[in-house]
Amino acid sequence: MAYNISETSGNSTGGASTGFDAWTFDVALSDAVVTGDFDEDTNQDGISDGEASSYRFSALSTNKYGTLSFNTSTGKFTFTINQAAVIASGSSQTVEFTITGTRGFNSDADRVVINIAICVLRGTGIDTARGRVPVEDLKVGDRVRTLDSGLQPIRWLGSRRLTRRDLDRAPELRPIRLAAGALGAQCPDDALVVSPQHRVLVTGWRAELHFGVSEVLVPAKSLVNDLDITTAHDLDDVEYFHVLFDHHEIMLTNGAPTESFYPGDYVMDALDQPVRDELAALFPALFTDPDGFGPAARASVKVAEAAVLRHEVY
């Protein structure tokens, strides 16, 4: 029987098989850390058969967007996102590394892929002081209507274009389409397409029943039901946009409440001085207070936790 290791405890997608496997973590920037744990899985049934004798971790594909810590005895790892560097790059980012488990003369290498993304798609209508405006036409300084704070000026905008080739290579980045009314009457009021980890606001009895709060932010991919919320396989070329305010806000995108870009805590050591100066001018409190950006607009849940909502009738 072939020797195999697999990821056993993190919020990943992948499959255990002999050879070089890939485990993908799709995360929101505000998640801050990604954790996992590799064990032996010699019979390839997805169930741990104990620890390998040792684990070897490669260097990150890039160390610009975070740091990796790990335990070579247990196969556990933590990737800490450098949120400032991701924001400064102006786009979503992907980081990879490999882990090799060994017992005696047997070994197996797996690849870990971490996608850091949160954004809305080109063509999405954002409610502003001058009416609904396509996100690609927004400019820094434009005032956007928010659920909690009224009209708020945009402080920073970023975007990332993904071609058909990009999406074929990383299908987990394919956007999610919410049909009109998928979240309730006129919510959204037109089809809304967002990145998989972009979080939408779920309210009312569903939030109360499942999460014990009246409102909760939920990653779009966790709501996919193959009915009125689907993966947009028909889109061959997409451009995602990020909208950042002074604080984390809930804005209206095609009439549906979704989150703005949320940087959370900043790690500045990896950034060049000119970039640090620019971010310091925009958000000086971030450099003196680890919580300087302020709290998230709402409580949030991860993909696995939100899966209970997939078959709810709105």
C-alpha atoms as a PDB file:
ATOM      1  CA  MET A   1       0.000   0.000   0.000  1.00  0.00           C
ATOM      2  CA  ALA A   2       1.361   3.396  -0.937  1.00  0.00           C
ATOM      3  CA  TYR A   3       2.388   5.853   1.770  1.00  0.00           C
ATOM      4  CA  ASN A   4       0.345   9.040   2.063  1.00  0.00           C
ATOM      5  CA  ILE A   5      -0.137  12.096   4.259  1.00  0.00           C
ATOM      6  CA  SER A   6      -3.121  14.461   4.185  1.00  0.00           C
ATOM      7  CA  GLU A   7      -4.443  17.665   5.746  1.00  0.00           C
ATOM      8  CA  THR A   8      -6.817  16.653   8.525  1.00  0.00           C
ATOM      9  CA  SER A   9      -8.036  19.603  10.602  1.00  0.00           C
ATOM     10  CA  GLY A  10      -8.001  22.879   8.662  1.00  0.00           C
ATOM     11  CA  ASN A  11     -10.742  24.506   6.571  1.00  0.00           C
ATOM     12  CA  SER A  12      -9.308  23.272   3.262  1.00  0.00           C
ATOM     13  CA  THR A  13     -10.386  21.532   0.079  1.00  0.00           C
ATOM     14  CA  GLY A  14      -8.336  18.783  -1.507  1.00  0.00           C
ATOM     15  CA  GLY A  15      -8.034  15.021  -1.674  1.00  0.00           C
ATOM     16  CA  ALA A  16      -5.812  12.315  -0.247  1.00  0.00           C
ATOM     17  CA  SER A  17      -4.048  10.207  -2.854  1.00  0.00           C
ATOM     18  CA  THR A  18      -0.609   8.863  -3.495  1.00  0.00           C
ATOM     19  CA  GLY A  19       1.757  11.443  -4.873  1.00  0.00           C
ATOM     20  CA  PHE A  20       1.776  15.222  -4.946  1.00  0.00           C
ATOM     21  CA  ASP A  21      -1.583  16.501  -3.693  1.00  0.00           C
ATOM     22  CA  ALA A  22      -2.888  20.046  -3.360  1.00  0.00           C
ATOM     23  CA  TRP A  23      -4.814  21.417  -0.371  1.00  0.00           C
ATOM     24  CA  THR A  24      -6.472  24.786  -0.931  1.00  0.00           C
ATOM     25  CA  PHE A  25      -7.446  27.336   1.728  1.00  0.00           C
ATOM     26  CA  ASP A  26      -9.703  30.176   0.508  1.00  0.00           C
ATOM     27  CA  VAL A  27      -9.613  32.889   3.166  1.00  0.00           C
ATOM     28  CA  ALA A  28     -10.786  36.423   3.761  1.00  0.00           C
ATOM     29  CA  LEU A  29      -8.107  38.968   4.550  1.00  0.00           C
ATOM     30  CA  SER A  30      -9.709  39.605   7.932  1.00  0.00           C
ATOM     31  CA  ASP A  31      -9.231  35.945   8.947  1.00  0.00           C
ATOM     32  CA  ALA A  32      -5.618  36.928   9.782  1.00  0.00           C
ATOM     33  CA  VAL A  33      -4.314  33.351  10.177  1.00  0.00           C
ATOM     34  CA  VAL A  34      -4.636  29.997   8.413  1.00  0.00           C
ATOM     35  CA  THR A  35      -4.007  26.782  10.341  1.00  0.00           C
ATOM     36  CA  GLY A  36      -3.796  23.121   9.428  1.00  0.00           C
ATOM     37  CA  ASP A  37      -2.501  19.760  10.569  1.00  0.00           C
ATOM     38  CA  PHE A  38      -1.028  16.968   8.432  1.00  0.00           C
ATOM     39  CA  ASP A  39      -1.158  13.327   9.545  1.00  0.00           C
ATOM     40  CA  GLU A  40      -0.479   9.983   7.959  1.00  0.00           C
ATOM     41  CA  ASP A  41      -3.354   8.662   5.854  1.00  0.00           C
ATOM     42  CA  THR A  42      -1.858   5.479   4.456  1.00  0.00           C
ATOM     43  CA  ASN A  43      -5.136   3.935   3.277  1.00  0.00           C
ATOM     44  CA  GLN A  44      -6.331   7.197   1.658  1.00  0.00           C
ATOM     45  CA  ASP A  45      -9.702   7.269   3.431  1.00  0.00           C
ATOM     46  CA  GLY A  46      -9.375  10.818   4.781  1.00  0.00           C
ATOM     47  CA  ILE A  47      -8.970   9.553   8.360  1.00  0.00           C
ATOM     48  CA  SER A  48      -5.770  10.059  10.316  1.00  0.00           C
ATOM     49  CA  ASP A  49      -3.611   7.002  10.923  1.00  0.00           C
ATOM     50  CA  GLY A  50      -1.337   8.867  13.321  1.00  0.00           C
ATOM     51  CA  GLU A  51       1.742  11.002  12.906  1.00  0.00           C
ATOM     52  CA  ALA A  52       4.546  10.549  10.427  1.00  0.00           C
ATOM     53  CA  SER A  53       8.026  10.201  11.898  1.00  0.00           C
ATOM     54  CA  SER A  54       8.814  13.725  10.717  1.00  0.00           C
ATOM     55  CA  TYR A  55       7.557  16.524   8.484  1.00  0.00           C
ATOM     56  CA  ARG A  56       9.576  18.882   6.313  1.00  0.00           C
ATOM     57  CA  PHE A  57       8.192  22.258   5.223  1.00  0.00           C
ATOM     58  CA  SER A  58       9.461  24.174   2.204  1.00  0.00           C
ATOM     59  CA  ALA A  59       9.912  27.924   2.071  1.00  0.00           C
ATOM     60  CA  LEU A  60       6.904  30.013   1.071  1.00  0.00           C
ATOM     61  CA  SER A  61       6.519  30.788  -2.628  1.00  0.00           C
ATOM     62  CA  THR A  62       6.753  34.407  -1.469  1.00  0.00           C
ATOM     63  CA  ASN A  63       7.350  35.763   2.028  1.00  0.00           C
ATOM     64  CA  LYS A  64       5.912  39.164   1.193  1.00  0.00           C
ATOM     65  CA  TYR A  65       2.322  38.375   2.166  1.00  0.00           C
ATOM     66  CA  GLY A  66       2.766  36.466   5.401  1.00  0.00           C
ATOM     67  CA  THR A  67       4.866  34.251   7.634  1.00  0.00           C
ATOM     68  CA  LEU A  68       4.777  30.495   8.166  1.00  0.00           C
ATOM     69  CA  SER A  69       5.378  28.721  11.471  1.00  0.00           C
ATOM     70  CA  PHE A  70       5.238  24.947  11.810  1.00  0.00           C
ATOM     71  CA  ASN A  71       6.011  21.889  13.905  1.00  0.00           C
ATOM     72  CA  THR A  72       8.133  19.217  12.199  1.00  0.00           C
ATOM     73  CA  SER A  73       6.996  16.588  14.715  1.00  0.00           C
ATOM     74  CA  THR A  74       3.222  17.068  14.480  1.00  0.00           C
ATOM     75  CA  GLY A  75       2.725  18.477  10.973  1.00  0.00           C
ATOM     76  CA  LYS A  76       0.809  21.456  12.339  1.00  0.00           C
ATOM     77  CA  PHE A  77       1.290  24.861  10.703  1.00  0.00           C
ATOM     78  CA  THR A  78       0.099  28.449  11.018  1.00  0.00           C
ATOM     79  CA  PHE A  79       0.289  30.995   8.216  1.00  0.00           C
ATOM     80  CA  THR A  80      -0.110  34.591   9.466  1.00  0.00           C
ATOM     81  CA  ILE A  81      -1.303  36.983   6.768  1.00  0.00           C
ATOM     82  CA  ASN A  82       0.601  40.245   6.298  1.00  0.00           C
ATOM     83  CA  GLN A  83      -2.567  42.227   5.742  1.00  0.00           C
ATOM     84  CA  ALA A  84      -0.756  45.494   5.043  1.00  0.00           C
ATOM     85  CA  ALA A  85       1.280  43.953   2.246  1.00  0.00           C
ATOM     86  CA  VAL A  86      -1.802  42.445   0.600  1.00  0.00           C
ATOM     87  CA  ILE A  87      -3.562  45.805   0.653  1.00  0.00           C
ATOM     88  CA  ALA A  88      -0.486  47.632  -0.619  1.00  0.00           C
ATOM     89  CA  SER A  89      -0.249  45.187  -3.550  1.00  0.00           C
ATOM     90  CA  GLY A  90      -3.652  46.346  -4.788  1.00  0.00           C
ATOM     91  CA  SER A  91      -4.927  42.823  -5.453  1.00  0.00           C
ATOM     92  CA  SER A  92      -5.767  39.453  -3.981  1.00  0.00           C
ATOM     93  CA  GLN A  93      -2.785  37.145  -3.492  1.00  0.00           C
ATOM     94  CA  THR A  94      -1.866  33.454  -3.475  1.00  0.00           C
ATOM     95  CA  VAL A  95       0.854  31.884  -1.317  1.00  0.00           C
ATOM     96  CA  GLU A  96       2.074  28.282  -1.570  1.00  0.00           C
ATOM     97  CA  PHE A  97       4.381  25.877   0.237  1.00  0.00           C
ATOM     98  CA  THR A  98       4.959  22.126   0.344  1.00  0.00           C
ATOM     99  CA  ILE A  99       5.064  19.673   3.234  1.00  0.00           C
ATOM    100  CA  THR A 100       6.707  16.251   3.081  1.00  0.00           C
ATOM    101  CA  GLY A 101       5.859  13.520   5.572  1.00  0.00           C
ATOM    102  CA  THR A 102       8.335  10.677   6.120  1.00  0.00           C
ATOM    103  CA  ARG A 103       8.335   7.305   7.868  1.00  0.00           C
ATOM    104  CA  GLY A 104      11.335   5.103   7.279  1.00  0.00           C
ATOM    105  CA  PHE A 105      11.947   4.847   3.536  1.00  0.00           C
ATOM    106  CA  ASN A 106       8.431   6.106   2.740  1.00  0.00           C
ATOM    107  CA  SER A 107       7.598   9.746   2.041  1.00  0.00           C
ATOM    108  CA  ASP A 108       4.808  11.799   0.488  1.00  0.00           C
ATOM    109  CA  ALA A 109       4.795  15.481  -0.492  1.00  0.00           C
ATOM    110  CA  ASP A 110       1.668  17.660  -0.507  1.00  0.00           C
ATOM    111  CA  ARG A 111       1.200  21.241  -1.666  1.00  0.00           C
ATOM    112  CA  VAL A 112      -0.669  23.891   0.351  1.00  0.00           C
ATOM    113  CA  VAL A 113      -2.267  26.783  -1.577  1.00  0.00           C
ATOM    114  CA  ILE A 114      -3.609  29.793   0.333  1.00  0.00           C
ATOM    115  CA  ASN A 115      -5.822  32.224  -1.599  1.00  0.00           C
ATOM    116  CA  ILE A 116      -6.377  35.597   0.092  1.00  0.00           C
ATOM    117  CA  ALA A 117      -9.289  37.342  -1.596  1.00  0.00           C
ATOM    118  CA  ILE A 118     -12.195  39.601  -0.799  1.00  0.00           C
ATOM    119  CA  CYS A 119     -13.864  41.779  -3.405  1.00  0.00           C
ATOM    120  CA  VAL A 120     -16.793  42.487  -5.725  1.00  0.00           C
ATOM    121  CA  LEU A 121     -16.899  42.043  -9.491  1.00  0.00           C
ATOM    122  CA  ARG A 122     -16.692  44.628 -12.282  1.00  0.00           C
ATOM    123  CA  GLY A 123     -20.197  45.850 -13.112  1.00  0.00           C
ATOM    124  CA  THR A 124     -21.519  45.581  -9.533  1.00  0.00           C
ATOM    125  CA  GLY A 125     -23.657  48.596  -8.637  1.00  0.00           C
ATOM    126  CA  ILE A 126     -22.647  50.417  -5.443  1.00  0.00           C
ATOM    127  CA  ASP A 127     -25.133  52.824  -3.807  1.00  0.00           C
ATOM    128  CA  THR A 128     -23.507  56.262  -3.491  1.00  0.00           C
ATOM    129  CA  ALA A 129     -24.488  59.876  -2.875  1.00  0.00           C
ATOM    130  CA  ARG A 130     -24.973  60.256  -6.649  1.00  0.00           C
ATOM    131  CA  GLY A 131     -26.999  57.085  -7.081  1.00  0.00           C
ATOM    132  CA  ARG A 132     -25.943  53.606  -8.041  1.00  0.00           C
ATOM    133  CA  VAL A 133     -22.492  53.559  -9.645  1.00  0.00           C
ATOM    134  CA  PRO A 134     -20.623  50.592 -11.203  1.00  0.00           C
ATOM    135  CA  VAL A 135     -17.767  49.689  -8.885  1.00  0.00           C
ATOM    136  CA  GLU A 136     -15.182  50.188 -11.649  1.00  0.00           C
ATOM    137  CA  ASP A 137     -16.290  53.839 -11.987  1.00  0.00           C
ATOM    138  CA  LEU A 138     -15.787  54.686  -8.320  1.00  0.00           C
ATOM    139  CA  LYS A 139     -12.979  57.010  -7.268  1.00  0.00           C
ATOM    140  CA  VAL A 140     -11.219  57.697  -3.988  1.00  0.00           C
ATOM    141  CA  GLY A 141     -13.282  60.323  -2.181  1.00  0.00           C
ATOM    142  CA  ASP A 142     -16.639  59.180  -3.576  1.00  0.00           C
ATOM    143  CA  ARG A 143     -19.238  58.912  -0.802  1.00  0.00           C
ATOM    144  CA  VAL A 144     -20.858  55.500  -0.488  1.00  0.00           C
ATOM    145  CA  ARG A 145     -24.035  54.708   1.423  1.00  0.00           C
ATOM    146  CA  THR A 146     -23.356  52.408   4.370  1.00  0.00           C
ATOM    147  CA  LEU A 147     -25.775  50.609   6.649  1.00  0.00           C
ATOM    148  CA  ASP A 148     -24.325  51.950   9.897  1.00  0.00           C
ATOM    149  CA  SER A 149     -22.543  55.216   9.137  1.00  0.00           C
ATOM    150  CA  GLY A 150     -24.482  56.907   6.360  1.00  0.00           C
ATOM    151  CA  LEU A 151     -22.396  58.320   3.509  1.00  0.00           C
ATOM    152  CA  GLN A 152     -18.718  57.416   3.883  1.00  0.00           C
ATOM    153  CA  PRO A 153     -15.831  58.513   1.626  1.00  0.00           C
ATOM    154  CA  ILE A 154     -13.756  55.847  -0.115  1.00  0.00           C
ATOM    155  CA  ARG A 155     -10.167  55.913   1.119  1.00  0.00           C
ATOM    156  CA  TRP A 156      -8.614  53.289  -1.148  1.00  0.00           C
ATOM    157  CA  LEU A 157      -9.577  51.164  -4.177  1.00  0.00           C
ATOM    158  CA  GLY A 158      -7.866  48.064  -5.526  1.00  0.00           C
ATOM    159  CA  SER A 159      -8.584  45.546  -8.262  1.00  0.00           C
ATOM    160  CA  ARG A 160      -7.386  42.264  -9.728  1.00  0.00           C
ATOM    161  CA  ARG A 161      -8.197  40.789 -13.147  1.00  0.00           C
ATOM    162  CA  LEU A 162      -8.330  37.013 -13.623  1.00  0.00           C
ATOM    163  CA  THR A 163      -8.228  35.536 -17.119  1.00  0.00           C
ATOM    164  CA  ARG A 164      -9.749  32.264 -18.252  1.00  0.00           C
ATOM    165  CA  ARG A 165      -6.325  30.667 -17.844  1.00  0.00           C
ATOM    166  CA  ASP A 166      -6.091  31.980 -14.267  1.00  0.00           C
ATOM    167  CA  LEU A 167      -9.514  30.561 -13.416  1.00  0.00           C
ATOM    168  CA  ASP A 168      -8.741  27.204 -15.031  1.00  0.00           C
ATOM    169  CA  ARG A 169      -5.566  26.971 -12.951  1.00  0.00           C
ATOM    170  CA  ALA A 170      -7.319  28.069  -9.753  1.00  0.00           C
ATOM    171  CA  PRO A 171     -11.026  27.177 -10.088  1.00  0.00           C
ATOM    172  CA  GLU A 172     -11.523  27.916  -6.386  1.00  0.00           C
ATOM    173  CA  LEU A 173     -11.290  31.623  -7.333  1.00  0.00           C
ATOM    174  CA  ARG A 174     -14.313  31.446  -9.640  1.00  0.00           C
ATOM    175  CA  PRO A 175     -16.938  33.987  -8.588  1.00  0.00           C
ATOM    176  CA  ILE A 176     -20.242  33.258  -6.884  1.00  0.00           C
ATOM    177  CA  ARG A 177     -23.488  34.454  -8.475  1.00  0.00           C
ATOM    178  CA  LEU A 178     -26.488  35.343  -6.304  1.00  0.00           C
ATOM    179  CA  ALA A 179     -29.674  35.580  -8.357  1.00  0.00           C
ATOM    180  CA  ALA A 180     -32.084  38.457  -7.773  1.00  0.00           C
ATOM    181  CA  GLY A 181     -34.008  37.732  -4.576  1.00  0.00           C
ATOM    182  CA  ALA A 182     -31.649  34.947  -3.464  1.00  0.00           C
ATOM    183  CA  LEU A 183     -31.345  36.531   0.014  1.00  0.00           C
ATOM    184  CA  GLY A 184     -34.943  37.736   0.265  1.00  0.00           C
ATOM    185  CA  ALA A 185     -37.360  40.018  -1.563  1.00  0.00           C
ATOM    186  CA  GLN A 186     -35.342  42.323  -3.863  1.00  0.00           C
ATOM    187  CA  CYS A 187     -32.129  41.239  -2.138  1.00  0.00           C
ATOM    188  CA  PRO A 188     -30.207  41.550  -4.314  1.00  0.00           C
ATOM    189  CA  ASP A 189     -32.411  43.455  -6.737  1.00  0.00           C
ATOM    190  CA  ASP A 190     -30.278  42.258  -9.659  1.00  0.00           C
ATOM    191  CA  ALA A 191     -27.903  39.327 -10.019  1.00  0.00           C
ATOM    192  CA  LEU A 192     -24.852  39.913  -7.817  1.00  0.00           C
ATOM    193  CA  VAL A 193     -21.467  38.341  -8.571  1.00  0.00           C
ATOM    194  CA  VAL A 194     -18.733  38.418  -5.902  1.00  0.00           C
ATOM    195  CA  SER A 195     -15.524  36.608  -5.020  1.00  0.00           C
ATOM    196  CA  PRO A 196     -15.957  33.324  -3.103  1.00  0.00           C
ATOM    197  CA  GLN A 197     -14.840  34.792   0.234  1.00  0.00           C
ATOM    198  CA  HIS A 198     -16.702  38.099  -0.047  1.00  0.00           C
ATOM    199  CA  ARG A 199     -19.034  38.198   2.941  1.00  0.00           C
ATOM    200  CA  VAL A 200     -22.724  39.000   2.718  1.00  0.00           C
ATOM    201  CA  LEU A 201     -24.977  40.002   5.601  1.00  0.00           C
ATOM    202  CA  VAL A 202     -27.488  37.387   6.759  1.00  0.00           C
ATOM    203  CA  THR A 203     -30.177  38.713   9.107  1.00  0.00           C
ATOM    204  CA  GLY A 204     -33.278  37.691  11.003  1.00  0.00           C
ATOM    205  CA  TRP A 205     -34.322  34.287  12.278  1.00  0.00           C
ATOM    206  CA  ARG A 206     -31.685  32.391  10.283  1.00  0.00           C
ATOM    207  CA  ALA A 207     -28.875  34.282  11.978  1.00  0.00           C
ATOM    208  CA  GLU A 208     -30.564  33.916  15.370  1.00  0.00           C
ATOM    209  CA  LEU A 209     -31.277  30.191  14.967  1.00  0.00           C
ATOM    210  CA  HIS A 210     -27.888  29.116  13.690  1.00  0.00           C
ATOM    211  CA  PHE A 211     -25.471  31.644  15.206  1.00  0.00           C
ATOM    212  CA  GLY A 212     -27.259  33.299  18.133  1.00  0.00           C
ATOM    213  CA  VAL A 213     -27.033  36.852  16.734  1.00  0.00           C
ATOM    214  CA  SER A 214     -29.471  38.968  14.756  1.00  0.00           C
ATOM    215  CA  GLU A 215     -26.990  39.709  11.947  1.00  0.00           C
ATOM    216  CA  VAL A 216     -23.899  37.846  10.757  1.00  0.00           C
ATOM    217  CA  LEU A 217     -21.439  38.106   7.861  1.00  0.00           C
ATOM    218  CA  VAL A 218     -21.173  34.924   5.814  1.00  0.00           C
ATOM    219  CA  PRO A 219     -18.736  34.049   2.969  1.00  0.00           C
ATOM    220  CA  ALA A 220     -20.605  33.883  -0.340  1.00  0.00           C
ATOM    221  CA  LYS A 221     -19.207  30.448  -1.227  1.00  0.00           C
ATOM    222  CA  SER A 222     -20.797  28.934   1.863  1.00  0.00           C
ATOM    223  CA  LEU A 223     -24.266  29.821   0.516  1.00  0.00           C
ATOM    224  CA  VAL A 224     -23.929  27.996  -2.811  1.00  0.00           C
ATOM    225  CA  ASN A 225     -27.011  25.782  -3.237  1.00  0.00           C
ATOM    226  CA  ASP A 226     -26.874  25.200  -7.027  1.00  0.00           C
ATOM    227  CA  LEU A 227     -30.290  26.834  -7.315  1.00  0.00           C
ATOM    228  CA  ASP A 228     -30.289  30.615  -6.929  1.00  0.00           C
ATOM    229  CA  ILE A 229     -26.740  30.854  -5.546  1.00  0.00           C
ATOM    230  CA  THR A 230     -24.211  29.211  -7.843  1.00  0.00           C
ATOM    231  CA  THR A 231     -20.584  29.183  -8.923  1.00  0.00           C
ATOM    232  CA  ALA A 232     -20.322  31.313 -12.090  1.00  0.00           C
ATOM    233  CA  HIS A 233     -18.658  28.752 -14.378  1.00  0.00           C
ATOM    234  CA  ASP A 234     -19.768  30.710 -17.449  1.00  0.00           C
ATOM    235  CA  LEU A 235     -17.478  33.688 -16.760  1.00  0.00           C
ATOM    236  CA  ASP A 236     -14.113  33.332 -18.495  1.00  0.00           C
ATOM    237  CA  ASP A 237     -12.645  36.695 -17.517  1.00  0.00           C
ATOM    238  CA  VAL A 238     -13.363  38.528 -14.266  1.00  0.00           C
ATOM    239  CA  GLU A 239     -12.092  41.601 -12.466  1.00  0.00           C
ATOM    240  CA  TYR A 240     -12.491  41.853  -8.708  1.00  0.00           C
ATOM    241  CA  PHE A 241     -12.566  45.195  -6.876  1.00  0.00           C
ATOM    242  CA  HIS A 242     -11.832  46.156  -3.242  1.00  0.00           C
ATOM    243  CA  VAL A 243     -13.429  49.196  -1.566  1.00  0.00           C
ATOM    244  CA  LEU A 244     -11.839  50.464   1.658  1.00  0.00           C
ATOM    245  CA  PHE A 245     -13.291  53.044   4.084  1.00  0.00           C
ATOM    246  CA  ASP A 246     -12.003  54.521   7.334  1.00  0.00           C
ATOM    247  CA  HIS A 247     -13.742  51.656   9.124  1.00  0.00           C
ATOM    248  CA  HIS A 248     -15.237  48.303   8.236  1.00  0.00           C
ATOM    249  CA  GLU A 249     -18.668  49.018   6.769  1.00  0.00           C
ATOM    250  CA  ILE A 250     -21.710  47.266   5.320  1.00  0.00           C
ATOM    251  CA  MET A 251     -22.491  48.702   1.873  1.00  0.00           C
ATOM    252  CA  LEU A 252     -25.233  47.957  -0.649  1.00  0.00           C
ATOM    253  CA  THR A 253     -24.077  46.029  -3.714  1.00  0.00           C
ATOM    254  CA  ASN A 254     -26.846  45.545  -6.272  1.00  0.00           C
ATOM    255  CA  GLY A 255     -29.152  46.211  -3.342  1.00  0.00           C
ATOM    256  CA  ALA A 256     -27.703  43.487  -1.079  1.00  0.00           C
ATOM    257  CA  PRO A 257     -25.779  44.284   2.130  1.00  0.00           C
ATOM    258  CA  THR A 258     -22.169  43.097   1.848  1.00  0.00           C
ATOM    259  CA  GLU A 259     -18.947  44.041   3.587  1.00  0.00           C
ATOM    260  CA  SER A 260     -16.327  46.558   2.556  1.00  0.00           C
ATOM    261  CA  PHE A 261     -12.626  45.661   2.468  1.00  0.00           C
ATOM    262  CA  TYR A 262     -11.352  44.988   6.003  1.00  0.00           C
ATOM    263  CA  PRO A 263      -7.594  45.193   6.692  1.00  0.00           C
ATOM    264  CA  GLY A 264      -7.642  44.240  10.359  1.00  0.00           C
ATOM    265  CA  ASP A 265      -4.293  44.317  12.150  1.00  0.00           C
ATOM    266  CA  TYR A 266      -1.238  45.412  10.185  1.00  0.00           C
ATOM    267  CA  VAL A 267       2.217  43.846  10.054  1.00  0.00           C
ATOM    268  CA  MET A 268       4.572  46.475   8.637  1.00  0.00           C
ATOM    269  CA  ASP A 269       8.059  45.002   8.800  1.00  0.00           C
ATOM    270  CA  ALA A 270       7.951  43.495   5.296  1.00  0.00           C
ATOM    271  CA  LEU A 271       6.993  46.750   3.568  1.00  0.00           C
ATOM    272  CA  ASP A 272       9.299  49.271   1.955  1.00  0.00           C
ATOM    273  CA  GLN A 273       9.484  52.677   3.602  1.00  0.00           C
ATOM    274  CA  PRO A 274       7.568  54.551   0.847  1.00  0.00           C
ATOM    275  CA  VAL A 275       4.645  52.125   1.195  1.00  0.00           C
ATOM    276  CA  ARG A 276       4.667  52.444   4.977  1.00  0.00           C
ATOM    277  CA  ASP A 277       4.661  56.227   4.625  1.00  0.00           C
ATOM    278  CA  GLU A 278       1.655  56.093   2.302  1.00  0.00           C
ATOM    279  CA  LEU A 279      -0.339  53.812   4.589  1.00  0.00           C
ATOM    280  CA  ALA A 280       0.645  55.863   7.640  1.00  0.00           C
ATOM    281  CA  ALA A 281      -0.759  58.960   5.945  1.00  0.00           C
ATOM    282  CA  LEU A 282      -4.045  57.149   5.270  1.00  0.00           C
ATOM    283  CA  PHE A 283      -4.404  55.297   8.586  1.00  0.00           C
ATOM    284  CA  PRO A 284      -1.992  56.691  11.204  1.00  0.00           C
ATOM    285  CA  ALA A 285      -3.681  54.875  14.093  1.00  0.00           C
ATOM    286  CA  LEU A 286      -2.687  51.540  12.616  1.00  0.00           C
ATOM    287  CA  PHE A 287       0.939  52.278  13.440  1.00  0.00           C
ATOM    288  CA  THR A 288       0.351  53.158  17.075  1.00  0.00           C
ATOM    289  CA  ASP A 289      -2.515  50.839  17.994  1.00  0.00           C
ATOM    290  CA  PRO A 290      -2.814  47.173  16.870  1.00  0.00           C
ATOM    291  CA  ASP A 291      -6.597  47.645  16.802  1.00  0.00           C
ATOM    292  CA  GLY A 292      -6.329  51.014  15.091  1.00  0.00           C
ATOM    293  CA  PHE A 293      -8.632  50.154  12.202  1.00  0.00           C
ATOM    294  CA  GLY A 294     -11.392  49.301  14.634  1.00  0.00           C
ATOM    295  CA  PRO A 295     -13.627  46.248  14.961  1.00  0.00           C
ATOM    296  CA  ALA A 296     -15.380  44.343  12.201  1.00  0.00           C
ATOM    297  CA  ALA A 297     -18.814  45.700  11.316  1.00  0.00           C
ATOM    298  CA  ARG A 298     -20.507  42.434  12.333  1.00  0.00           C
ATOM    299  CA  ALA A 299     -19.696  39.034  13.725  1.00  0.00           C
ATOM    300  CA  SER A 300     -18.629  36.613  11.015  1.00  0.00           C
ATOM    301  CA  VAL A 301     -18.546  32.862  10.486  1.00  0.00           C
ATOM    302  CA  LYS A 302     -16.312  30.648   8.385  1.00  0.00           C
ATOM    303  CA  VAL A 303     -17.356  28.607   5.361  1.00  0.00           C
ATOM    304  CA  ALA A 304     -17.803  25.328   7.235  1.00  0.00           C
ATOM    305  CA  GLU A 305     -19.880  26.960   9.973  1.00  0.00           C
ATOM    306  CA  ALA A 306     -22.151  28.710   7.471  1.00  0.00           C
ATOM    307  CA  ALA A 307     -22.871  25.557   5.451  1.00  0.00           C
ATOM    308  CA  VAL A 308     -26.128  25.093   7.415  1.00  0.00           C
ATOM    309  CA  LEU A 309     -27.572  28.042   5.452  1.00  0.00           C
ATOM    310  CA  ARG A 310     -27.194  26.477   2.015  1.00  0.00           C
ATOM    311  CA  HIS A 311     -30.660  24.979   1.816  1.00  0.00           C
ATOM    312  CA  GLU A 312     -32.605  27.593   3.739  1.00  0.00           C
ATOM    313  CA  VAL A 313     -35.587  29.058   1.861  1.00  0.00           C
ATOM    314  CA  TYR A 314     -35.506  32.872   1.719  1.00  0.00           C
END
